[in-house]
C-alpha atoms as a PDB file:
ATOM      1  CA  MET A   1      -1.415   8.855 -21.059  1.00  0.00           C
ATOM      2  CA  THR A   2      -2.655   5.548 -19.629  1.00  0.00           C
ATOM      3  CA  PHE A   3      -0.781   2.996 -17.527  1.00  0.00           C
ATOM      4  CA  GLY A   4      -0.667  -0.697 -18.407  1.00  0.00           C
ATOM      5  CA  ALA A   5      -0.688  -3.583 -15.948  1.00  0.00           C
ATOM      6  CA  GLU A   6       3.013  -3.475 -15.052  1.00  0.00           C
ATOM      7  CA  ALA A   7       3.112   0.308 -14.639  1.00  0.00           C
ATOM      8  CA  SER A   8      -0.119   0.260 -12.605  1.00  0.00           C
ATOM      9  CA  GLN A   9       1.311  -2.300 -10.203  1.00  0.00           C
ATOM     10  CA  ARG A  10       4.484  -0.213  -9.861  1.00  0.00           C
ATOM     11  CA  VAL A  11       2.442   2.914  -9.042  1.00  0.00           C
ATOM     12  CA  ASP A  12       0.420   0.940  -6.492  1.00  0.00           C
ATOM     13  CA  ARG A  13       3.682  -0.118  -4.847  1.00  0.00           C
ATOM     14  CA  ILE A  14       5.149   3.410  -4.879  1.00  0.00           C
ATOM     15  CA  TYR A  15       1.976   4.977  -3.471  1.00  0.00           C
ATOM     16  CA  GLN A  16       2.185   2.757  -0.384  1.00  0.00           C
ATOM     17  CA  ASN A  17       5.669   4.116   0.358  1.00  0.00           C
ATOM     18  CA  PRO A  18       5.816   6.121   3.639  1.00  0.00           C
ATOM     19  CA  ASP A  19       6.895   9.255   1.725  1.00  0.00           C
ATOM     20  CA  ILE A  20       3.763   9.170  -0.430  1.00  0.00           C
ATOM     21  CA  VAL A  21       1.537   8.271   2.527  1.00  0.00           C
ATOM     22  CA  ALA A  22       2.855  11.450   4.195  1.00  0.00           C
ATOM     23  CA  GLN A  23       2.186  13.408   0.997  1.00  0.00           C
ATOM     24  CA  ARG A  24      -1.452  12.271   0.969  1.00  0.00           C
ATOM     25  CA  GLN A  25      -1.858  13.378   4.574  1.00  0.00           C
ATOM     26  CA  PHE A  26      -0.218  16.748   3.779  1.00  0.00           C
ATOM     27  CA  THR A  27      -2.738  17.235   0.973  1.00  0.00           C
ATOM     28  CA  LEU A  28      -5.771  16.237   3.046  1.00  0.00           C
ATOM     29  CA  ASP A  29      -4.662  18.463   5.939  1.00  0.00           C
ATOM     30  CA  HIS A  30      -4.849  21.468   3.608  1.00  0.00           C
ATOM     31  CA  LEU A  31      -7.990  20.454   1.696  1.00  0.00           C
ATOM     32  CA  LYS A  32      -9.998  20.095   4.925  1.00  0.00           C
ATOM     33  CA  LEU A  33     -12.797  17.828   3.690  1.00  0.00           C
ATOM     34  CA  LYS A  34     -15.909  17.521   5.873  1.00  0.00           C
ATOM     35  CA  LYS A  35     -18.462  14.844   6.673  1.00  0.00           C
ATOM     36  CA  GLY A  36     -20.985  14.617   3.847  1.00  0.00           C
ATOM     37  CA  ASP A  37     -18.749  16.221   1.198  1.00  0.00           C
ATOM     38  CA  HIS A  38     -18.936  15.030  -2.397  1.00  0.00           C
ATOM     39  CA  VAL A  39     -15.495  14.845  -4.037  1.00  0.00           C
ATOM     40  CA  ILE A  40     -13.879  13.555  -7.215  1.00  0.00           C
ATOM     41  CA  ASP A  41     -10.398  12.030  -7.361  1.00  0.00           C
ATOM     42  CA  ILE A  42      -9.179  12.849 -10.884  1.00  0.00           C
ATOM     43  CA  GLY A  43      -6.703  10.195 -11.971  1.00  0.00           C
ATOM     44  CA  CYS A  44      -7.415   8.102  -8.882  1.00  0.00           C
ATOM     45  CA  GLY A  45      -4.679   5.568  -9.621  1.00  0.00           C
ATOM     46  CA  PRO A  46      -4.754   2.599  -7.227  1.00  0.00           C
ATOM     47  CA  GLY A  47      -7.480   4.114  -5.016  1.00  0.00           C
ATOM     48  CA  LEU A  48      -5.464   4.810  -1.862  1.00  0.00           C
ATOM     49  CA  LEU A  49      -6.461   8.483  -1.668  1.00  0.00           C
ATOM     50  CA  ALA A  50     -10.084   7.610  -2.440  1.00  0.00           C
ATOM     51  CA  MET A  51     -10.084   5.317   0.602  1.00  0.00           C
ATOM     52  CA  ASP A  52      -8.603   8.051   2.798  1.00  0.00           C
ATOM     53  CA  MET A  53     -11.202  10.561   1.614  1.00  0.00           C
ATOM     54  CA  ALA A  54     -14.089   8.134   2.070  1.00  0.00           C
ATOM     55  CA  GLU A  55     -13.122   7.749   5.720  1.00  0.00           C
ATOM     56  CA  ILE A  56     -13.258  11.536   6.162  1.00  0.00           C
ATOM     57  CA  VAL A  57     -16.527  12.262   4.295  1.00  0.00           C
ATOM     58  CA  GLY A  58     -18.246   9.280   5.910  1.00  0.00           C
ATOM     59  CA  PRO A  59     -21.263   7.297   4.707  1.00  0.00           C
ATOM     60  CA  THR A  60     -23.236  10.473   3.882  1.00  0.00           C
ATOM     61  CA  GLY A  61     -20.457  11.685   1.599  1.00  0.00           C
ATOM     62  CA  ARG A  62     -19.443  10.503  -1.824  1.00  0.00           C
ATOM     63  CA  VAL A  63     -16.090   9.850  -3.500  1.00  0.00           C
ATOM     64  CA  ILE A  64     -15.857   9.375  -7.265  1.00  0.00           C
ATOM     65  CA  GLY A  65     -12.564   8.031  -8.547  1.00  0.00           C
ATOM     66  CA  ILE A  66     -11.827   8.234 -12.263  1.00  0.00           C
ATOM     67  CA  ASP A  67      -8.834   7.056 -14.264  1.00  0.00           C
ATOM     68  CA  PRO A  68      -8.256   6.483 -17.998  1.00  0.00           C
ATOM     69  CA  SER A  69      -6.315   3.271 -17.284  1.00  0.00           C
ATOM     70  CA  GLU A  70      -8.370   0.087 -17.167  1.00  0.00           C
ATOM     71  CA  ASP A  71      -5.656  -1.581 -15.077  1.00  0.00           C
ATOM     72  CA  MET A  72      -5.571   1.282 -12.558  1.00  0.00           C
ATOM     73  CA  CYS A  73      -9.366   1.213 -12.259  1.00  0.00           C
ATOM     74  CA  ALA A  74      -9.247  -2.529 -11.594  1.00  0.00           C
ATOM     75  CA  ILE A  75      -6.749  -2.080  -8.747  1.00  0.00           C
ATOM     76  CA  ALA A  76      -8.762   0.816  -7.294  1.00  0.00           C
ATOM     77  CA  ALA A  77     -12.080  -1.012  -7.568  1.00  0.00           C
ATOM     78  CA  ASP A  78     -10.658  -4.055  -5.810  1.00  0.00           C
ATOM     79  CA  ARG A  79      -9.168  -1.910  -3.022  1.00  0.00           C
ATOM     80  CA  CYS A  80     -12.399   0.061  -2.523  1.00  0.00           C
ATOM     81  CA  LYS A  81     -14.703  -2.963  -2.772  1.00  0.00           C
ATOM     82  CA  GLY A  82     -17.365  -2.849  -0.098  1.00  0.00           C
ATOM     83  CA  VAL A  83     -17.065   0.894   0.585  1.00  0.00           C
ATOM     84  CA  GLY A  84     -20.471   2.133  -0.509  1.00  0.00           C
ATOM     85  CA  SER A  85     -19.518   5.800  -0.670  1.00  0.00           C
ATOM     86  CA  ILE A  86     -16.830   5.180  -3.358  1.00  0.00           C
ATOM     87  CA  THR A  87     -17.496   4.805  -7.069  1.00  0.00           C
ATOM     88  CA  ILE A  88     -14.633   3.993  -9.458  1.00  0.00           C
ATOM     89  CA  LYS A  89     -15.154   4.871 -13.122  1.00  0.00           C
ATOM     90  CA  ASP A  90     -13.207   4.981 -16.348  1.00  0.00           C
ATOM     91  CA  GLY A  91     -12.698   8.640 -17.254  1.00  0.00           C
ATOM     92  CA  ASP A  92     -10.261  11.430 -17.939  1.00  0.00           C
ATOM     93  CA  ALA A  93      -9.514  14.933 -16.712  1.00  0.00           C
ATOM     94  CA  ASN A  94     -11.130  16.672 -19.684  1.00  0.00           C
ATOM     95  CA  THR A  95     -14.552  14.992 -19.393  1.00  0.00           C
ATOM     96  CA  LEU A  96     -15.592  14.573 -15.775  1.00  0.00           C
ATOM     97  CA  PRO A  97     -18.707  12.401 -15.225  1.00  0.00           C
ATOM     98  CA  CYS A  98     -20.394  14.918 -12.917  1.00  0.00           C
ATOM     99  CA  GLU A  99     -23.095  17.536 -13.185  1.00  0.00           C
ATOM    100  CA  THR A 100     -22.228  21.223 -13.166  1.00  0.00           C
ATOM    101  CA  SER A 101     -21.764  22.722  -9.677  1.00  0.00           C
ATOM    102  CA  SER A 102     -22.340  19.341  -7.978  1.00  0.00           C
ATOM    103  CA  LEU A 103     -19.128  18.735  -5.992  1.00  0.00           C
ATOM    104  CA  ASP A 104     -17.554  20.194  -2.872  1.00  0.00           C
ATOM    105  CA  ALA A 105     -13.991  19.298  -3.840  1.00  0.00           C
ATOM    106  CA  ALA A 106     -11.811  17.812  -6.558  1.00  0.00           C
ATOM    107  CA  ILE A 107      -8.270  16.524  -6.305  1.00  0.00           C
ATOM    108  CA  ALA A 108      -5.654  15.650  -8.914  1.00  0.00           C
ATOM    109  CA  THR A 109      -2.394  14.048  -7.799  1.00  0.00           C
ATOM    110  CA  GLN A 110       0.415  13.878 -10.359  1.00  0.00           C
ATOM    111  CA  VAL A 111      -2.210  14.033 -13.119  1.00  0.00           C
ATOM    112  CA  TYR A 112      -2.192  17.378 -14.909  1.00  0.00           C
ATOM    113  CA  GLU A 113       1.481  17.024 -15.863  1.00  0.00           C
ATOM    114  CA  PHE A 114       0.280  14.286 -18.263  1.00  0.00           C
ATOM    115  CA  VAL A 115      -2.668  16.241 -19.745  1.00  0.00           C
ATOM    116  CA  PRO A 116      -1.992  18.034 -23.057  1.00  0.00           C
ATOM    117  CA  GLU A 117      -5.148  20.216 -22.904  1.00  0.00           C
ATOM    118  CA  ILE A 118      -4.364  21.610 -19.454  1.00  0.00           C
ATOM    119  CA  ASP A 119      -6.531  24.747 -19.877  1.00  0.00           C
ATOM    120  CA  ALA A 120      -9.565  22.656 -20.777  1.00  0.00           C
ATOM    121  CA  ALA A 121      -8.951  20.254 -17.889  1.00  0.00           C
ATOM    122  CA  LEU A 122      -8.805  23.039 -15.302  1.00  0.00           C
ATOM    123  CA  THR A 123     -11.933  24.668 -16.760  1.00  0.00           C
ATOM    124  CA  GLU A 124     -13.693  21.291 -16.546  1.00  0.00           C
ATOM    125  CA  ALA A 125     -12.708  20.962 -12.868  1.00  0.00           C
ATOM    126  CA  CYS A 126     -14.133  24.421 -12.212  1.00  0.00           C
ATOM    127  CA  ARG A 127     -17.371  23.449 -13.947  1.00  0.00           C
ATOM    128  CA  VAL A 128     -18.167  20.500 -11.674  1.00  0.00           C
ATOM    129  CA  LEU A 129     -17.404  22.330  -8.408  1.00  0.00           C
ATOM    130  CA  LYS A 130     -20.012  24.172  -6.394  1.00  0.00           C
ATOM    131  CA  PRO A 131     -19.382  27.885  -5.776  1.00  0.00           C
ATOM    132  CA  GLY A 132     -16.816  27.890  -2.975  1.00  0.00           C
ATOM    133  CA  GLY A 133     -15.679  24.373  -3.891  1.00  0.00           C
ATOM    134  CA  GLN A 134     -11.965  23.577  -3.875  1.00  0.00           C
ATOM    135  CA  LEU A 135      -9.530  21.939  -6.283  1.00  0.00           C
ATOM    136  CA  ALA A 136      -6.362  20.414  -4.826  1.00  0.00           C
ATOM    137  CA  ILE A 137      -3.474  19.772  -7.220  1.00  0.00           C
ATOM    138  CA  ILE A 138      -0.218  17.981  -6.445  1.00  0.00           C
ATOM    139  CA  ASP A 139       2.374  18.134  -9.216  1.00  0.00           C
ATOM    140  CA  THR A 140       6.149  18.040  -9.545  1.00  0.00           C
ATOM    141  CA  ASP A 141       8.676  20.280 -11.207  1.00  0.00           C
ATOM    142  CA  TRP A 142      11.202  17.694 -12.334  1.00  0.00           C
ATOM    143  CA  ASP A 143      13.986  20.287 -12.204  1.00  0.00           C
ATOM    144  CA  SER A 144      13.578  20.184  -8.405  1.00  0.00           C
ATOM    145  CA  VAL A 145      15.512  16.893  -8.214  1.00  0.00           C
ATOM    146  CA  VAL A 146      18.638  17.113  -6.038  1.00  0.00           C
ATOM    147  CA  MET A 147      21.010  14.132  -6.106  1.00  0.00           C
ATOM    148  CA  ARG A 148      24.586  13.413  -5.226  1.00  0.00           C
ATOM    149  CA  THR A 149      26.716  12.775  -8.318  1.00  0.00           C
ATOM    150  CA  ASP A 150      30.303  13.129  -9.481  1.00  0.00           C
ATOM    151  CA  ASP A 151      29.174  13.611 -13.093  1.00  0.00           C
ATOM    152  CA  ARG A 152      26.483  16.282 -13.187  1.00  0.00           C
ATOM    153  CA  ASP A 153      26.365  16.417 -16.977  1.00  0.00           C
ATOM    154  CA  ARG A 154      25.645  12.678 -17.181  1.00  0.00           C
ATOM    155  CA  MET A 155      22.967  12.950 -14.506  1.00  0.00           C
ATOM    156  CA  HIS A 156      21.190  15.741 -16.397  1.00  0.00           C
ATOM    157  CA  LYS A 157      21.264  13.704 -19.609  1.00  0.00           C
ATOM    158  CA  VAL A 158      19.664  10.742 -17.849  1.00  0.00           C
ATOM    159  CA  LEU A 159      17.030  12.844 -16.074  1.00  0.00           C
ATOM    160  CA  GLU A 160      16.045  14.473 -19.369  1.00  0.00           C
ATOM    161  CA  GLY A 161      14.703  11.056 -20.274  1.00  0.00           C
ATOM    162  CA  ARG A 162      12.399  11.258 -17.256  1.00  0.00           C
ATOM    163  CA  ARG A 163      11.255  14.759 -18.218  1.00  0.00           C
ATOM    164  CA  ASP A 164      10.318  13.417 -21.654  1.00  0.00           C
ATOM    165  CA  HIS A 165       7.816  11.162 -19.847  1.00  0.00           C
ATOM    166  CA  PHE A 166       5.601  14.188 -19.072  1.00  0.00           C
ATOM    167  CA  VAL A 167       3.702  16.692 -21.179  1.00  0.00           C
ATOM    168  CA  HIS A 168       4.308  19.431 -18.585  1.00  0.00           C
ATOM    169  CA  PRO A 169       7.461  18.572 -16.561  1.00  0.00           C
ATOM    170  CA  ASP A 170       7.583  22.151 -15.212  1.00  0.00           C
ATOM    171  CA  LEU A 171       3.866  22.635 -14.502  1.00  0.00           C
ATOM    172  CA  PRO A 172       3.967  24.031 -10.911  1.00  0.00           C
ATOM    173  CA  GLY A 173       5.551  27.315 -11.981  1.00  0.00           C
ATOM    174  CA  ARG A 174       2.701  27.931 -14.430  1.00  0.00           C
ATOM    175  CA  LEU A 175      -0.221  26.704 -12.349  1.00  0.00           C
ATOM    176  CA  PRO A 176      -1.111  29.974 -10.544  1.00  0.00           C
ATOM    177  CA  SER A 177      -1.746  31.797 -13.829  1.00  0.00           C
ATOM    178  CA  LEU A 178      -3.452  28.769 -15.396  1.00  0.00           C
ATOM    179  CA  LEU A 179      -5.797  28.431 -12.416  1.00  0.00           C
ATOM    180  CA  SER A 180      -6.691  32.118 -12.580  1.00  0.00           C
ATOM    181  CA  LYS A 181      -7.436  31.811 -16.297  1.00  0.00           C
ATOM    182  CA  ALA A 182      -9.728  28.837 -15.578  1.00  0.00           C
ATOM    183  CA  GLY A 183     -11.768  30.919 -13.110  1.00  0.00           C
ATOM    184  CA  PHE A 184     -10.210  29.923  -9.771  1.00  0.00           C
ATOM    185  CA  ASP A 185      -8.877  31.946  -6.857  1.00  0.00           C
ATOM    186  CA  LEU A 186      -5.625  30.561  -5.444  1.00  0.00           C
ATOM    187  CA  ALA A 187      -6.148  29.813  -1.741  1.00  0.00           C
ATOM    188  CA  TYR A 188      -2.882  28.027  -0.912  1.00  0.00           C
ATOM    189  CA  SER A 189       0.423  27.074  -2.483  1.00  0.00           C
ATOM    190  CA  GLY A 190       3.273  25.203  -0.842  1.00  0.00           C
ATOM    191  CA  GLY A 191       5.716  22.366  -1.194  1.00  0.00           C
ATOM    192  CA  THR A 192       6.348  19.014   0.445  1.00  0.00           C
ATOM    193  CA  PRO A 193       9.787  17.470  -0.145  1.00  0.00           C
ATOM    194  CA  ILE A 194      10.648  13.809  -0.427  1.00  0.00           C
ATOM    195  CA  VAL A 195      14.151  13.236   0.980  1.00  0.00           C
ATOM    196  CA  ASN A 196      15.865   9.836   0.908  1.00  0.00           C
ATOM    197  CA  THR A 197      19.354   9.049   2.178  1.00  0.00           C
ATOM    198  CA  SER A 198      19.069   5.480   0.909  1.00  0.00           C
ATOM    199  CA  MET A 199      17.852   3.840  -2.267  1.00  0.00           C
ATOM    200  CA  ALA A 200      17.091   0.550  -0.547  1.00  0.00           C
ATOM    201  CA  GLN A 201      14.126  -1.455  -1.746  1.00  0.00           C
ATOM    202  CA  GLY A 202      10.869   0.151  -0.670  1.00  0.00           C
ATOM    203  CA  THR A 203      12.122   3.748  -0.838  1.00  0.00           C
ATOM    204  CA  TYR A 204      10.634   6.241  -3.255  1.00  0.00           C
ATOM    205  CA  SER A 205      14.053   7.001  -4.735  1.00  0.00           C
ATOM    206  CA  ALA A 206      14.746   3.339  -5.560  1.00  0.00           C
ATOM    207  CA  GLU A 207      11.635   3.110  -7.728  1.00  0.00           C
ATOM    208  CA  ILE A 208      12.158   6.466  -9.447  1.00  0.00           C
ATOM    209  CA  ILE A 209      15.879   5.984 -10.096  1.00  0.00           C
ATOM    210  CA  ARG A 210      15.530   2.527 -11.610  1.00  0.00           C
ATOM    211  CA  SER A 211      12.587   3.519 -13.804  1.00  0.00           C
ATOM    212  CA  SER A 212      14.476   6.675 -14.860  1.00  0.00           C
ATOM    213  CA  ALA A 213      17.475   4.570 -15.882  1.00  0.00           C
ATOM    214  CA  LYS A 214      15.215   2.339 -18.005  1.00  0.00           C
ATOM    215  CA  GLN A 215      13.599   5.339 -19.686  1.00  0.00           C
ATOM    216  CA  ALA A 216      16.963   6.953 -20.346  1.00  0.00           C
ATOM    217  CA  ALA A 217      18.339   3.770 -21.896  1.00  0.00           C
ATOM    218  CA  LYS A 218      15.562   3.941 -24.516  1.00  0.00           C
ATOM    219  CA  ARG A 219      16.011   7.663 -25.248  1.00  0.00           C
ATOM    220  CA  GLU A 220      17.186   8.560 -28.716  1.00  0.00           C
ATOM    221  CA  GLY A 221      20.719   9.928 -28.721  1.00  0.00           C
ATOM    222  CA  LEU A 222      21.632   8.494 -25.314  1.00  0.00           C
ATOM    223  CA  SER A 223      23.491   5.198 -25.138  1.00  0.00           C
ATOM    224  CA  PRO A 224      22.321   2.564 -22.624  1.00  0.00           C
ATOM    225  CA  GLU A 225      25.859   2.584 -21.207  1.00  0.00           C
ATOM    226  CA  ILE A 226      25.400   6.146 -19.934  1.00  0.00           C
ATOM    227  CA  ALA A 227      22.259   5.200 -17.999  1.00  0.00           C
ATOM    228  CA  GLU A 228      23.957   2.072 -16.656  1.00  0.00           C
ATOM    229  CA  ALA A 229      27.023   4.052 -15.499  1.00  0.00           C
ATOM    230  CA  TRP A 230      24.741   6.568 -13.722  1.00  0.00           C
ATOM    231  CA  LEU A 231      22.903   3.774 -11.922  1.00  0.00           C
ATOM    232  CA  LYS A 232      26.165   2.091 -10.882  1.00  0.00           C
ATOM    233  CA  GLU A 233      27.427   5.404  -9.480  1.00  0.00           C
ATOM    234  CA  LEU A 234      24.319   5.717  -7.300  1.00  0.00           C
ATOM    235  CA  GLU A 235      24.563   2.108  -6.176  1.00  0.00           C
ATOM    236  CA  GLY A 236      28.150   2.848  -5.165  1.00  0.00           C
ATOM    237  CA  PHE A 237      27.017   5.826  -3.082  1.00  0.00           C
ATOM    238  CA  GLU A 238      24.392   3.595  -1.472  1.00  0.00           C
ATOM    239  CA  ALA A 239      26.973   0.932  -0.596  1.00  0.00           C
ATOM    240  CA  ARG A 240      29.232   3.540   1.055  1.00  0.00           C
ATOM    241  CA  GLY A 241      26.397   5.292   2.923  1.00  0.00           C
ATOM    242  CA  GLU A 242      26.795   8.436   0.785  1.00  0.00           C
ATOM    243  CA  PHE A 243      23.511   8.413  -1.126  1.00  0.00           C
ATOM    244  CA  PHE A 244      21.224  11.486  -1.255  1.00  0.00           C
ATOM    245  CA  PHE A 245      18.019  12.141  -3.192  1.00  0.00           C
ATOM    246  CA  SER A 246      15.408  14.879  -2.897  1.00  0.00           C
ATOM    247  CA  ILE A 247      12.453  16.049  -4.969  1.00  0.00           C
ATOM    248  CA  THR A 248       9.727  18.581  -4.184  1.00  0.00           C
ATOM    249  CA  ARG A 249       6.026  18.035  -4.737  1.00  0.00           C
ATOM    250  CA  PHE A 250       3.987  21.245  -4.979  1.00  0.00           C
ATOM    251  CA  LEU A 251       0.461  21.582  -3.614  1.00  0.00           C
ATOM    252  CA  PHE A 252      -2.034  24.157  -4.850  1.00  0.00           C
ATOM    253  CA  ILE A 253      -5.489  24.664  -3.362  1.00  0.00           C
ATOM    254  CA  ALA A 254      -7.725  26.685  -5.678  1.00  0.00           C
ATOM    255  CA  GLN A 255     -11.262  27.838  -4.909  1.00  0.00           C
ATOM    256  CA  LYS A 256     -14.178  28.434  -7.240  1.00  0.00           C
ATOM    257  CA  PRO A 257     -15.535  31.893  -6.415  1.00  0.00           C
ATOM    258  CA  SER A 258     -18.782  31.926  -4.442  1.00  0.00           C
END
């Protein structure tokens, strides 16, 4: 799946949200990059993580950011302009533009849930890593959403529309076995929740809820009125100070055997 101009700008906006900034730091804290490391950001999106990693690996390191979306690459290239250690390229998870055993680390944030050939993509990540190199994966199980609602059945119907957006909406539960099959040893697994008690502009929940309502309104067999009623219920909770939203992002650090 590729993102067009509007979706790319929305992702850029979401990824500057404090919740996602904290998620990037959580990931980097566990990946433990070093000065001089060579790393690839698979599905680099707007380039925010690439910038963070370039600061860590320094001028002797190298960060390659790839994304199949021309619009995403344009945003990333503009953001990373002037940073000599960063290269932004068009590319996808199944064909990485790197030599075998050439990288110290690879990272994929909210990427593999979109990739149909997940086995091939993980095998490709293993190929480009040096022995002992690490792959960091952040993905979401979309059943981990917790929200306040007075109509749980309606909420589930709307959120099914969001699940339809992904090839693997339940990927985290399957990743340990998939990583093992691809030749990795699992070094770490854990979760980092996003919790919002408001859906005010600028929050992660505001972006996700409104885009979910739009997706649900287009879903076959679900009337737009159902999505609109769900959104109005949440806006009512927000107005009364009763809003709650939570979702869990799962981090896996896998190592290529030495």
